Amino acid sequence: MTKLFNQPQQKNIRKVLRKQPITCERILWGRVRDSQLGDFKFKKQFGIDKYIVDFCCFEAKLVVELDGATHSTDKEIQYDVKRQKFLEEQGFLVKRYNNSDVKENLILVLEDIVATCRERVNILHL
């Protein structure tokens, strides 16, 4: 059986992505790391099968993706749709935020993330 999370062959890629985050990832990580956001634990650059997601709250089965200019071509959009479908099939909810949302409306983004985590945990624990 294939390991679904943090596959060993992705370790170096995940490590590079964690050490060289884009500005918006660094901003958001500074606010969600160490269970600062409603006591929900997030992992950064987390591997789910062949995909690496920006942030993952495993307890809430929530994936948070930050989208910038690299998510605008037809090819990239199709890839994101395929990737999101796979993640949803694994039971994750994928929330996407534009980089500009993080820069200009960080508090609203954080409020939305924590509200989504609470909602998801309530649903998952019914």
C-alpha atoms as a PDB file:
ATOM      1  CA  MET A   1       0.000   0.000   0.000  1.00  0.00           C
ATOM      2  CA  THR A   2       1.296   3.450  -0.923  1.00  0.00           C
ATOM      3  CA  LYS A   3       1.834   5.933   1.877  1.00  0.00           C
ATOM      4  CA  LEU A   4      -0.713   8.739   1.414  1.00  0.00           C
ATOM      5  CA  PHE A   5       0.890  11.462   3.543  1.00  0.00           C
ATOM      6  CA  ASN A   6       4.361  12.999   3.290  1.00  0.00           C
ATOM      7  CA  GLN A   7       5.847  10.467   0.934  1.00  0.00           C
ATOM      8  CA  PRO A   8       9.610  10.065   1.438  1.00  0.00           C
ATOM      9  CA  GLN A   9      10.448  10.895  -2.203  1.00  0.00           C
ATOM     10  CA  GLN A  10       8.875  14.353  -1.713  1.00  0.00           C
ATOM     11  CA  LYS A  11      10.838  15.190   1.433  1.00  0.00           C
ATOM     12  CA  ASN A  12      13.424  17.398  -0.281  1.00  0.00           C
ATOM     13  CA  ILE A  13      10.791  19.264  -2.292  1.00  0.00           C
ATOM     14  CA  ARG A  14       8.694  19.920   0.816  1.00  0.00           C
ATOM     15  CA  LYS A  15      11.808  21.082   2.672  1.00  0.00           C
ATOM     16  CA  VAL A  16      12.758  23.544  -0.084  1.00  0.00           C
ATOM     17  CA  LEU A  17       9.188  24.894  -0.248  1.00  0.00           C
ATOM     18  CA  ARG A  18       9.134  25.398   3.538  1.00  0.00           C
ATOM     19  CA  LYS A  19      12.483  27.188   3.544  1.00  0.00           C
ATOM     20  CA  GLN A  20      11.676  29.467   0.585  1.00  0.00           C
ATOM     21  CA  PRO A  21       8.047  30.545   1.082  1.00  0.00           C
ATOM     22  CA  ILE A  22       6.471  33.303  -0.917  1.00  0.00           C
ATOM     23  CA  THR A  23       5.683  36.435   1.098  1.00  0.00           C
ATOM     24  CA  CYS A  24       2.002  35.601   1.577  1.00  0.00           C
ATOM     25  CA  GLU A  25       2.805  32.098   2.796  1.00  0.00           C
ATOM     26  CA  ARG A  26       5.227  33.561   5.314  1.00  0.00           C
ATOM     27  CA  ILE A  27       2.582  36.055   6.507  1.00  0.00           C
ATOM     28  CA  LEU A  28      -0.121  33.414   6.902  1.00  0.00           C
ATOM     29  CA  TRP A  29       2.228  30.871   8.474  1.00  0.00           C
ATOM     30  CA  GLY A  30       3.204  33.451  11.083  1.00  0.00           C
ATOM     31  CA  ARG A  31      -0.442  33.562  12.186  1.00  0.00           C
ATOM     32  CA  VAL A  32      -1.431  29.867  12.014  1.00  0.00           C
ATOM     33  CA  ARG A  33       1.716  28.134  13.240  1.00  0.00           C
ATOM     34  CA  ASP A  34       1.986  26.664  16.744  1.00  0.00           C
ATOM     35  CA  SER A  35      -1.801  26.311  17.080  1.00  0.00           C
ATOM     36  CA  GLN A  36      -2.275  30.099  17.328  1.00  0.00           C
ATOM     37  CA  LEU A  37      -5.509  30.027  15.355  1.00  0.00           C
ATOM     38  CA  GLY A  38      -8.244  28.671  17.611  1.00  0.00           C
ATOM     39  CA  ASP A  39      -5.906  25.913  18.844  1.00  0.00           C
ATOM     40  CA  PHE A  40      -5.994  24.275  15.403  1.00  0.00           C
ATOM     41  CA  LYS A  41      -2.674  22.771  14.357  1.00  0.00           C
ATOM     42  CA  PHE A  42      -1.553  23.497  10.811  1.00  0.00           C
ATOM     43  CA  LYS A  43       1.223  21.876   8.825  1.00  0.00           C
ATOM     44  CA  LYS A  44       3.039  23.778   6.123  1.00  0.00           C
ATOM     45  CA  GLN A  45       3.888  22.253   2.729  1.00  0.00           C
ATOM     46  CA  PHE A  46       2.194  18.990   3.660  1.00  0.00           C
ATOM     47  CA  GLY A  47       2.245  16.032   1.266  1.00  0.00           C
ATOM     48  CA  ILE A  48      -1.015  14.313   0.377  1.00  0.00           C
ATOM     49  CA  ASP A  49      -0.266  11.556  -2.100  1.00  0.00           C
ATOM     50  CA  LYS A  50       1.567  13.130  -5.052  1.00  0.00           C
ATOM     51  CA  TYR A  51       0.441  16.660  -4.133  1.00  0.00           C
ATOM     52  CA  ILE A  52       1.989  19.150  -1.744  1.00  0.00           C
ATOM     53  CA  VAL A  53      -0.500  21.567  -0.208  1.00  0.00           C
ATOM     54  CA  ASP A  54       0.365  24.980   1.207  1.00  0.00           C
ATOM     55  CA  PHE A  55      -1.260  24.434   4.611  1.00  0.00           C
ATOM     56  CA  CYS A  56      -3.206  21.579   6.152  1.00  0.00           C
ATOM     57  CA  CYS A  57      -5.223  21.306   9.355  1.00  0.00           C
ATOM     58  CA  PHE A  58      -5.541  17.566   9.671  1.00  0.00           C
ATOM     59  CA  GLU A  59      -8.013  17.708  12.567  1.00  0.00           C
ATOM     60  CA  ALA A  60     -10.479  19.665  10.406  1.00  0.00           C
ATOM     61  CA  LYS A  61      -9.430  17.939   7.158  1.00  0.00           C
ATOM     62  CA  LEU A  62      -8.894  21.435   5.738  1.00  0.00           C
ATOM     63  CA  VAL A  63      -6.399  22.385   3.055  1.00  0.00           C
ATOM     64  CA  VAL A  64      -5.604  26.078   2.636  1.00  0.00           C
ATOM     65  CA  GLU A  65      -4.109  27.124  -0.683  1.00  0.00           C
ATOM     66  CA  LEU A  66      -2.734  30.555  -1.543  1.00  0.00           C
ATOM     67  CA  ASP A  67      -3.115  31.474  -5.186  1.00  0.00           C
ATOM     68  CA  GLY A  68      -1.055  34.058  -6.968  1.00  0.00           C
ATOM     69  CA  ALA A  69      -0.326  34.789 -10.595  1.00  0.00           C
ATOM     70  CA  THR A  70       0.845  31.208 -11.202  1.00  0.00           C
ATOM     71  CA  HIS A  71      -2.742  29.956 -11.012  1.00  0.00           C
ATOM     72  CA  SER A  72      -4.130  31.857 -13.990  1.00  0.00           C
ATOM     73  CA  THR A  73      -3.393  29.895 -17.158  1.00  0.00           C
ATOM     74  CA  ASP A  74      -5.774  27.256 -18.515  1.00  0.00           C
ATOM     75  CA  LYS A  75      -3.218  24.509 -17.869  1.00  0.00           C
ATOM     76  CA  GLU A  76      -2.695  25.599 -14.253  1.00  0.00           C
ATOM     77  CA  ILE A  77      -6.432  25.943 -13.653  1.00  0.00           C
ATOM     78  CA  GLN A  78      -7.036  22.430 -15.018  1.00  0.00           C
ATOM     79  CA  TYR A  79      -4.278  21.081 -12.773  1.00  0.00           C
ATOM     80  CA  ASP A  80      -5.806  22.827  -9.733  1.00  0.00           C
ATOM     81  CA  VAL A  81      -9.254  21.368 -10.540  1.00  0.00           C
ATOM     82  CA  LYS A  82      -7.818  17.833 -10.834  1.00  0.00           C
ATOM     83  CA  ARG A  83      -5.801  18.265  -7.654  1.00  0.00           C
ATOM     84  CA  GLN A  84      -8.744  19.666  -5.707  1.00  0.00           C
ATOM     85  CA  LYS A  85     -10.983  16.813  -6.850  1.00  0.00           C
ATOM     86  CA  PHE A  86      -8.436  14.290  -5.574  1.00  0.00           C
ATOM     87  CA  LEU A  87      -8.086  16.067  -2.214  1.00  0.00           C
ATOM     88  CA  GLU A  88     -11.866  16.199  -1.820  1.00  0.00           C
ATOM     89  CA  GLU A  89     -12.061  12.471  -2.572  1.00  0.00           C
ATOM     90  CA  GLN A  90      -9.692  11.987   0.387  1.00  0.00           C
ATOM     91  CA  GLY A  91     -12.150  13.894   2.609  1.00  0.00           C
ATOM     92  CA  PHE A  92     -10.425  17.285   2.621  1.00  0.00           C
ATOM     93  CA  LEU A  93     -12.084  20.635   2.051  1.00  0.00           C
ATOM     94  CA  VAL A  94      -9.915  22.958  -0.029  1.00  0.00           C
ATOM     95  CA  LYS A  95     -10.133  26.683   0.689  1.00  0.00           C
ATOM     96  CA  ARG A  96      -8.390  29.028  -1.716  1.00  0.00           C
ATOM     97  CA  TYR A  97      -7.332  32.588  -1.018  1.00  0.00           C
ATOM     98  CA  ASN A  98      -5.629  35.002  -3.354  1.00  0.00           C
ATOM     99  CA  ASN A  99      -2.304  36.412  -2.259  1.00  0.00           C
ATOM    100  CA  SER A 100      -3.921  39.856  -2.317  1.00  0.00           C
ATOM    101  CA  ASP A 101      -6.497  38.634   0.246  1.00  0.00           C
ATOM    102  CA  VAL A 102      -3.701  37.747   2.643  1.00  0.00           C
ATOM    103  CA  LYS A 103      -1.917  41.063   2.093  1.00  0.00           C
ATOM    104  CA  GLU A 104      -4.990  43.303   2.231  1.00  0.00           C
ATOM    105  CA  ASN A 105      -7.529  41.412   4.374  1.00  0.00           C
ATOM    106  CA  LEU A 106      -5.512  39.108   6.637  1.00  0.00           C
ATOM    107  CA  ILE A 107      -7.929  39.344   9.583  1.00  0.00           C
ATOM    108  CA  LEU A 108     -10.873  38.325   7.373  1.00  0.00           C
ATOM    109  CA  VAL A 109      -8.885  35.404   5.956  1.00  0.00           C
ATOM    110  CA  LEU A 110      -7.946  34.229   9.461  1.00  0.00           C
ATOM    111  CA  GLU A 111     -11.534  34.561  10.683  1.00  0.00           C
ATOM    112  CA  ASP A 112     -12.744  32.540   7.698  1.00  0.00           C
ATOM    113  CA  ILE A 113     -10.139  29.824   8.274  1.00  0.00           C
ATOM    114  CA  VAL A 114     -10.927  29.416  11.976  1.00  0.00           C
ATOM    115  CA  ALA A 115     -14.698  29.435  11.309  1.00  0.00           C
ATOM    116  CA  THR A 116     -14.220  26.766   8.648  1.00  0.00           C
ATOM    117  CA  CYS A 117     -12.067  24.668  11.002  1.00  0.00           C
ATOM    118  CA  ARG A 118     -14.697  24.841  13.743  1.00  0.00           C
ATOM    119  CA  GLU A 119     -17.467  23.939  11.310  1.00  0.00           C
ATOM    120  CA  ARG A 120     -15.491  21.033   9.854  1.00  0.00           C
ATOM    121  CA  VAL A 121     -14.547  19.620  13.263  1.00  0.00           C
ATOM    122  CA  ASN A 122     -18.196  19.753  14.341  1.00  0.00           C
ATOM    123  CA  ILE A 123     -19.269  17.946  11.169  1.00  0.00           C
ATOM    124  CA  LEU A 124     -16.484  15.345  11.353  1.00  0.00           C
ATOM    125  CA  HIS A 125     -17.219  14.535  14.996  1.00  0.00           C
ATOM    126  CA  LEU A 126     -20.981  14.032  14.624  1.00  0.00           C
END
